[in-house]
Amino acid sequence: MTLTTKGLKKSFGDRLAVDNVGFTISPGETYGLLGPNGAGKTTTISMICGLLEPDDGSIDVMGSPVTTTSVETRRHIGYVPQEIAIYPDLTAIENLKFFGRLQGLSGRQLGSRVDEVLDVLGLRGRAKERTEQFSGGMQRRLNIGLGLLHEPDLLVLDEPTVGVDPQSRNAILDSVENLSAEGMALLYTTHYMEEAERLCDRVGVMDQGKMIAEGTRRELVSLVGELDRVKLELADEIDLASVEQVPGVNRVTFEGQRADVYVDEASSRLTRVLESVAQAGGHVRSVEIAEPDLEAVFLHLTGRALRDT
């Protein structure tokens, strides 16, 4: 495992911000940490990055413990904060070289890594421009580059697409996908459910300091009892009561020549559903499968939208 956390706890006065949180991230895996504002995500990330000492519990990166004083272990971690952390009066190259030296890089190694990061981020053509002239999306991409310079085993990204235009946002997501494909472990927080759907292999949902659910999207959907919906457009109005007898089908609703079949694991049961419709004398004009998304799961678990306080 690249990252292993167990039993993390952190209090601020009488407020328990993180309560017995633990999860793991493997090489090449993108793990999404989701939760409403105040759920404890930022505190958890701060402890993982060695910025805060937990009151209890353990954090290991590449098999070594992380603390606020474990300098060598923290070199395995790259951190991309939500706030832009670049110097606007420096060029992209100057920013990368400055932060690279802070991370212990120098000479040819530094120059090589700066070139590689510029290529990864698609910023080579603007490398010698002062970053105050960059768009918000370009600044965000460079912000990610600062966390990549020392080739960390774990990259922590805290809402890296906040406030950027759709084109820049897509470029950032492409970069994140490429890093995961190359074997880097990623811890990703976001307020955009579609980003978690696209990027994350597994998701942990926090609320009120606790980890209340964890798993793949499909596992979370099963956990909260959400069902797939098979939308059928029929040639005629017919009685489809027999379809409810198909294993996995929960219920069938009708509206004219439209039928919605609520079923567990629709992709594996679709053939049997269509056979049952045909046996009932139905002629299907079109079929559409709608799977529950993370938004539905999140609302079921927390009762709140992702940005709620």
Protein backbone atom coordinates (compact mmCIF):
# COMPACT_ATOMS: atom_id res chain seq x y z
CA MET A 1 0.00 0.00 0.00
CA THR A 2 1.16 3.54 -0.74
CA LEU A 3 -0.96 5.02 2.06
CA THR A 4 -2.42 3.34 5.15
CA THR A 5 -4.31 5.29 7.80
CA LYS A 6 -5.85 3.74 10.92
CA GLY A 7 -7.99 5.14 13.71
CA LEU A 8 -7.25 8.82 13.05
CA LYS A 9 -8.63 11.22 15.63
CA LYS A 10 -8.23 14.97 15.98
CA SER A 11 -9.96 17.41 18.29
CA PHE A 12 -9.93 21.19 18.46
CA GLY A 13 -11.00 22.08 21.97
CA ASP A 14 -14.32 20.36 22.61
CA ARG A 15 -14.94 19.71 18.91
CA LEU A 16 -14.02 16.26 17.58
CA ALA A 17 -13.10 17.05 13.96
CA VAL A 18 -11.95 13.55 12.92
CA ASP A 19 -13.24 10.46 14.68
CA ASN A 20 -11.62 7.06 14.03
CA VAL A 21 -11.00 7.49 10.30
CA GLY A 22 -8.99 4.91 8.37
CA PHE A 23 -8.48 3.95 4.72
CA THR A 24 -5.82 2.75 2.29
CA ILE A 25 -4.67 3.76 -1.20
CA SER A 26 -2.75 1.45 -3.52
CA PRO A 27 -0.27 2.44 -6.25
CA GLY A 28 -2.12 3.60 -9.36
CA GLU A 29 -5.38 4.08 -7.44
CA THR A 30 -7.35 7.32 -7.22
CA TYR A 31 -9.24 7.56 -3.93
CA GLY A 32 -11.94 10.21 -3.59
CA LEU A 33 -12.59 11.75 -0.19
CA LEU A 34 -16.05 13.32 -0.22
CA GLY A 35 -18.14 15.06 2.40
CA PRO A 36 -20.11 18.23 3.18
CA ASN A 37 -18.24 21.27 4.44
CA GLY A 38 -17.10 20.64 8.00
CA ALA A 39 -17.03 16.86 7.55
CA GLY A 40 -13.34 16.62 8.53
CA LYS A 41 -11.76 16.20 5.10
CA THR A 42 -9.27 19.09 5.39
CA THR A 43 -8.17 18.00 8.86
CA THR A 44 -7.68 14.44 7.60
CA ILE A 45 -5.61 15.65 4.65
CA SER A 46 -3.52 17.89 6.90
CA MET A 47 -2.65 14.93 9.10
CA ILE A 48 -1.78 12.74 6.11
CA CYS A 49 0.55 15.43 4.75
CA GLY A 50 2.26 15.83 8.12
CA LEU A 51 0.93 19.33 8.70
CA LEU A 52 -1.08 18.32 11.79
CA GLU A 53 -0.28 15.71 14.42
CA PRO A 54 -3.19 13.34 15.08
CA ASP A 55 -4.39 12.91 18.65
CA ASP A 56 -4.59 9.18 17.99
CA GLY A 57 -4.15 6.71 15.14
CA SER A 58 -1.42 6.09 12.58
CA ILE A 59 -0.44 7.18 9.07
CA ASP A 60 2.04 5.23 6.94
CA VAL A 61 3.30 6.16 3.49
CA MET A 62 5.41 3.57 1.67
CA GLY A 63 5.65 1.64 4.92
CA SER A 64 7.05 4.53 7.02
CA PRO A 65 5.13 6.56 9.61
CA VAL A 66 4.13 10.15 8.85
CA THR A 67 4.41 12.77 11.57
CA THR A 68 4.99 16.51 11.62
CA THR A 69 8.72 15.83 12.03
CA SER A 70 9.16 12.90 9.62
CA VAL A 71 10.91 14.85 6.85
CA GLU A 72 12.14 11.88 4.82
CA THR A 73 8.79 10.10 4.78
CA ARG A 74 7.01 13.29 3.74
CA ARG A 75 9.20 13.43 0.62
CA HIS A 76 7.02 10.60 -0.69
CA ILE A 77 4.02 12.98 -0.60
CA GLY A 78 3.07 15.73 -3.01
CA TYR A 79 0.45 18.23 -1.83
CA VAL A 80 -1.66 20.45 -4.09
CA PRO A 81 -3.67 22.84 -1.88
CA GLN A 82 -6.94 24.43 -2.89
CA GLU A 83 -5.31 27.85 -2.68
CA ILE A 84 -3.03 28.90 -5.55
CA ALA A 85 0.54 28.68 -4.18
CA ILE A 86 2.55 30.23 -7.02
CA TYR A 87 4.39 33.55 -7.20
CA PRO A 88 2.64 35.78 -9.78
CA ASP A 89 5.74 37.89 -10.51
CA LEU A 90 7.77 34.81 -11.52
CA THR A 91 7.54 32.84 -14.76
CA ALA A 92 6.31 29.25 -14.81
CA ILE A 93 9.90 27.99 -15.09
CA GLU A 94 11.06 30.23 -12.25
CA ASN A 95 8.22 29.03 -10.02
CA LEU A 96 9.01 25.39 -10.75
CA LYS A 97 12.74 25.82 -10.17
CA PHE A 98 12.17 27.70 -6.91
CA PHE A 99 9.86 25.08 -5.47
CA GLY A 100 12.02 22.29 -6.87
CA ARG A 101 14.99 23.57 -4.87
CA LEU A 102 12.81 23.63 -1.74
CA GLN A 103 12.13 19.94 -2.40
CA GLY A 104 15.83 19.17 -2.62
CA LEU A 105 16.27 19.09 -6.41
CA SER A 106 19.18 20.76 -8.16
CA GLY A 107 21.32 20.77 -11.29
CA ARG A 108 20.38 18.55 -14.22
CA GLN A 109 17.82 16.65 -12.18
CA LEU A 110 15.93 19.87 -11.47
CA GLY A 111 16.09 21.02 -15.08
CA SER A 112 14.91 17.66 -16.34
CA ARG A 113 11.99 17.51 -13.92
CA VAL A 114 10.91 21.07 -14.78
CA ASP A 115 10.82 20.16 -18.48
CA GLU A 116 8.87 16.96 -17.79
CA VAL A 117 6.30 18.71 -15.61
CA LEU A 118 5.77 21.47 -18.18
CA ASP A 119 5.07 18.79 -20.78
CA VAL A 120 2.68 16.92 -18.49
CA LEU A 121 0.72 20.11 -17.82
CA GLY A 122 0.79 21.37 -21.41
CA LEU A 123 2.47 24.62 -20.38
CA ARG A 124 5.77 24.47 -22.27
CA GLY A 125 4.67 27.14 -24.75
CA ARG A 126 3.98 29.60 -21.89
CA ALA A 127 6.88 28.56 -19.66
CA LYS A 128 8.74 31.88 -19.82
CA GLU A 129 5.72 34.09 -19.16
CA ARG A 130 5.04 35.63 -15.75
CA THR A 131 2.26 33.66 -14.14
CA GLU A 132 0.25 36.79 -13.32
CA GLN A 133 -0.62 36.73 -17.04
CA PHE A 134 -1.93 33.16 -16.81
CA SER A 135 -5.62 32.29 -16.77
CA GLY A 136 -7.03 30.78 -13.61
CA GLY A 137 -6.97 27.34 -15.22
CA MET A 138 -3.31 27.65 -16.20
CA GLN A 139 -2.42 28.74 -12.68
CA ARG A 140 -4.26 25.70 -11.33
CA ARG A 141 -2.31 23.42 -13.64
CA LEU A 142 0.98 24.96 -12.56
CA ASN A 143 -0.15 24.57 -8.94
CA ILE A 144 -0.44 20.83 -9.57
CA GLY A 145 3.01 20.84 -11.18
CA LEU A 146 4.60 22.12 -7.97
CA GLY A 147 3.38 19.02 -6.17
CA LEU A 148 4.72 16.73 -8.91
CA LEU A 149 8.30 17.97 -9.20
CA HIS A 150 9.88 15.55 -6.73
CA GLU A 151 8.01 12.55 -8.20
CA PRO A 152 5.98 11.66 -5.10
CA ASP A 153 4.46 8.22 -4.56
CA LEU A 154 1.28 9.84 -3.18
CA LEU A 155 -0.23 13.03 -4.61
CA VAL A 156 -2.88 14.77 -2.50
CA LEU A 157 -5.15 17.11 -4.48
CA ASP A 158 -7.54 19.33 -2.53
CA GLU A 159 -10.26 20.60 -4.88
CA PRO A 160 -7.82 21.32 -7.74
CA THR A 161 -10.47 22.54 -10.22
CA VAL A 162 -12.25 25.17 -8.13
CA GLY A 163 -13.12 28.26 -10.15
CA VAL A 164 -11.68 27.21 -13.51
CA ASP A 165 -13.31 27.20 -16.94
CA PRO A 166 -14.59 23.92 -18.45
CA GLN A 167 -11.68 23.59 -20.91
CA SER A 168 -9.02 24.04 -18.22
CA ARG A 169 -10.93 21.78 -15.88
CA ASN A 170 -10.94 19.01 -18.47
CA ALA A 171 -7.19 19.48 -19.01
CA ILE A 172 -6.61 19.10 -15.26
CA LEU A 173 -8.72 15.95 -15.12
CA ASP A 174 -6.83 14.51 -18.08
CA SER A 175 -3.55 15.15 -16.24
CA VAL A 176 -4.85 13.44 -13.09
CA GLU A 177 -5.97 10.40 -15.10
CA ASN A 178 -2.54 10.15 -16.74
CA LEU A 179 -0.76 10.28 -13.37
CA SER A 180 -2.90 7.44 -12.05
CA ALA A 181 -2.26 5.40 -15.20
CA GLU A 182 1.48 5.83 -14.61
CA GLY A 183 1.18 4.22 -11.17
CA MET A 184 0.94 7.21 -8.83
CA ALA A 185 -1.45 6.94 -5.88
CA LEU A 186 -3.85 9.90 -5.66
CA LEU A 187 -6.01 11.25 -2.85
CA TYR A 188 -8.61 13.55 -4.40
CA THR A 189 -11.19 15.82 -2.80
CA THR A 190 -13.79 17.65 -4.82
CA HIS A 191 -17.18 19.34 -4.64
CA TYR A 192 -18.02 18.12 -8.13
CA MET A 193 -19.62 14.68 -8.17
CA GLU A 194 -18.97 14.18 -11.87
CA GLU A 195 -15.22 14.48 -11.17
CA ALA A 196 -15.41 11.73 -8.57
CA GLU A 197 -17.45 9.60 -10.99
CA ARG A 198 -14.82 10.05 -13.69
CA LEU A 199 -11.60 9.78 -11.69
CA CYS A 200 -12.04 7.75 -8.54
CA ASP A 201 -11.57 3.99 -8.26
CA ARG A 202 -12.93 4.08 -4.72
CA VAL A 203 -14.68 6.74 -2.65
CA GLY A 204 -14.80 7.41 1.08
CA VAL A 205 -17.72 9.51 2.36
CA MET A 206 -17.12 11.53 5.53
CA ASP A 207 -19.72 13.28 7.65
CA GLN A 208 -19.36 14.85 11.09
CA GLY A 209 -15.81 13.60 11.39
CA LYS A 210 -16.59 9.94 10.67
CA MET A 211 -16.10 7.74 7.63
CA ILE A 212 -19.70 6.67 7.05
CA ALA A 213 -19.23 4.67 3.83
CA GLU A 214 -16.48 3.49 1.53
CA GLY A 215 -16.19 1.53 -1.70
CA THR A 216 -16.50 1.65 -5.45
CA ARG A 217 -19.46 3.50 -6.94
CA ARG A 218 -21.24 0.18 -7.49
CA GLU A 219 -20.52 -0.96 -3.93
CA LEU A 220 -21.87 2.30 -2.50
CA VAL A 221 -24.97 2.08 -4.67
CA SER A 222 -25.61 -1.45 -3.37
CA LEU A 223 -24.92 -0.35 0.20
CA VAL A 224 -27.70 2.24 0.22
CA GLY A 225 -30.11 0.09 -1.77
CA GLU A 226 -30.25 2.29 -4.87
CA LEU A 227 -31.40 0.46 -8.01
CA ASP A 228 -30.68 0.73 -11.73
CA ARG A 229 -33.58 1.84 -13.92
CA VAL A 230 -34.29 0.23 -17.30
CA LYS A 231 -36.32 2.70 -19.37
CA LEU A 232 -38.44 0.96 -22.02
CA GLU A 233 -40.30 2.64 -24.88
CA LEU A 234 -43.00 0.22 -26.07
CA ALA A 235 -45.01 0.04 -29.27
CA ASP A 236 -48.26 -0.51 -27.36
CA GLU A 237 -49.63 -0.28 -23.84
CA ILE A 238 -49.51 -3.78 -22.32
CA ASP A 239 -49.57 -5.41 -18.91
CA LEU A 240 -46.00 -6.04 -17.73
CA ALA A 241 -46.86 -7.44 -14.31
CA SER A 242 -44.95 -10.63 -15.19
CA VAL A 243 -41.72 -8.63 -15.50
CA GLU A 244 -41.78 -8.09 -11.75
CA GLN A 245 -41.19 -11.84 -11.35
CA VAL A 246 -37.77 -11.61 -13.04
CA PRO A 247 -35.00 -12.17 -10.45
CA GLY A 248 -33.51 -8.85 -9.35
CA VAL A 249 -36.48 -6.74 -10.45
CA ASN A 250 -37.86 -4.66 -7.61
CA ARG A 251 -40.81 -2.94 -9.27
CA VAL A 252 -42.20 -1.76 -12.59
CA THR A 253 -43.93 1.59 -13.19
CA PHE A 254 -46.00 2.56 -16.23
CA GLU A 255 -46.90 5.76 -18.02
CA GLY A 256 -48.61 5.14 -21.33
CA GLN A 257 -46.20 3.31 -23.63
CA ARG A 258 -43.30 4.01 -21.28
CA ALA A 259 -42.24 1.52 -18.60
CA ASP A 260 -39.52 1.91 -15.97
CA VAL A 261 -38.11 -1.32 -14.56
CA TYR A 262 -36.18 -0.87 -11.29
CA VAL A 263 -33.65 -3.66 -11.03
CA ASP A 264 -30.43 -4.64 -9.29
CA GLU A 265 -27.46 -4.92 -11.70
CA ALA A 266 -29.41 -4.04 -14.83
CA SER A 267 -26.60 -4.85 -17.26
CA SER A 268 -26.53 -8.50 -16.19
CA ARG A 269 -30.33 -8.88 -16.09
CA LEU A 270 -31.35 -6.90 -19.18
CA THR A 271 -31.65 -9.93 -21.46
CA ARG A 272 -34.04 -11.66 -19.05
CA VAL A 273 -36.10 -8.47 -18.67
CA LEU A 274 -36.47 -8.08 -22.46
CA GLU A 275 -37.38 -11.76 -22.84
CA SER A 276 -40.12 -11.32 -20.24
CA VAL A 277 -41.45 -8.24 -22.06
CA ALA A 278 -41.56 -10.19 -25.31
CA GLN A 279 -43.37 -13.10 -23.64
CA ALA A 280 -45.99 -10.62 -22.41
CA GLY A 281 -46.57 -9.52 -26.01
CA GLY A 282 -44.62 -6.30 -25.81
CA HIS A 283 -42.58 -4.81 -28.64
CA VAL A 284 -39.69 -2.65 -27.43
CA ARG A 285 -38.81 0.41 -29.50
CA SER A 286 -35.94 1.64 -27.35
CA VAL A 287 -34.03 0.72 -24.20
CA GLU A 288 -32.01 2.93 -21.87
CA ILE A 289 -30.25 1.99 -18.64
CA ALA A 290 -29.87 4.70 -15.98
CA GLU A 291 -27.52 3.80 -13.14
CA PRO A 292 -27.66 5.66 -9.79
CA ASP A 293 -24.84 8.21 -9.53
CA LEU A 294 -22.74 9.29 -6.56
CA GLU A 295 -24.98 12.31 -6.04
CA ALA A 296 -27.93 10.03 -5.22
CA VAL A 297 -25.73 7.91 -2.95
CA PHE A 298 -24.32 10.95 -1.18
CA LEU A 299 -27.73 12.49 -0.53
CA HIS A 300 -28.98 9.14 0.78
CA LEU A 301 -26.04 8.82 3.18
CA THR A 302 -25.78 12.39 4.48
CA GLY A 303 -29.14 13.98 3.68
CA ARG A 304 -27.23 17.00 2.40
CA ALA A 305 -25.79 18.30 -0.84
CA LEU A 306 -22.01 18.18 -1.13
CA ARG A 307 -21.57 21.92 -0.52
CA ASP A 308 -23.94 22.13 2.46
CA THR A 309 -22.45 23.29 5.76
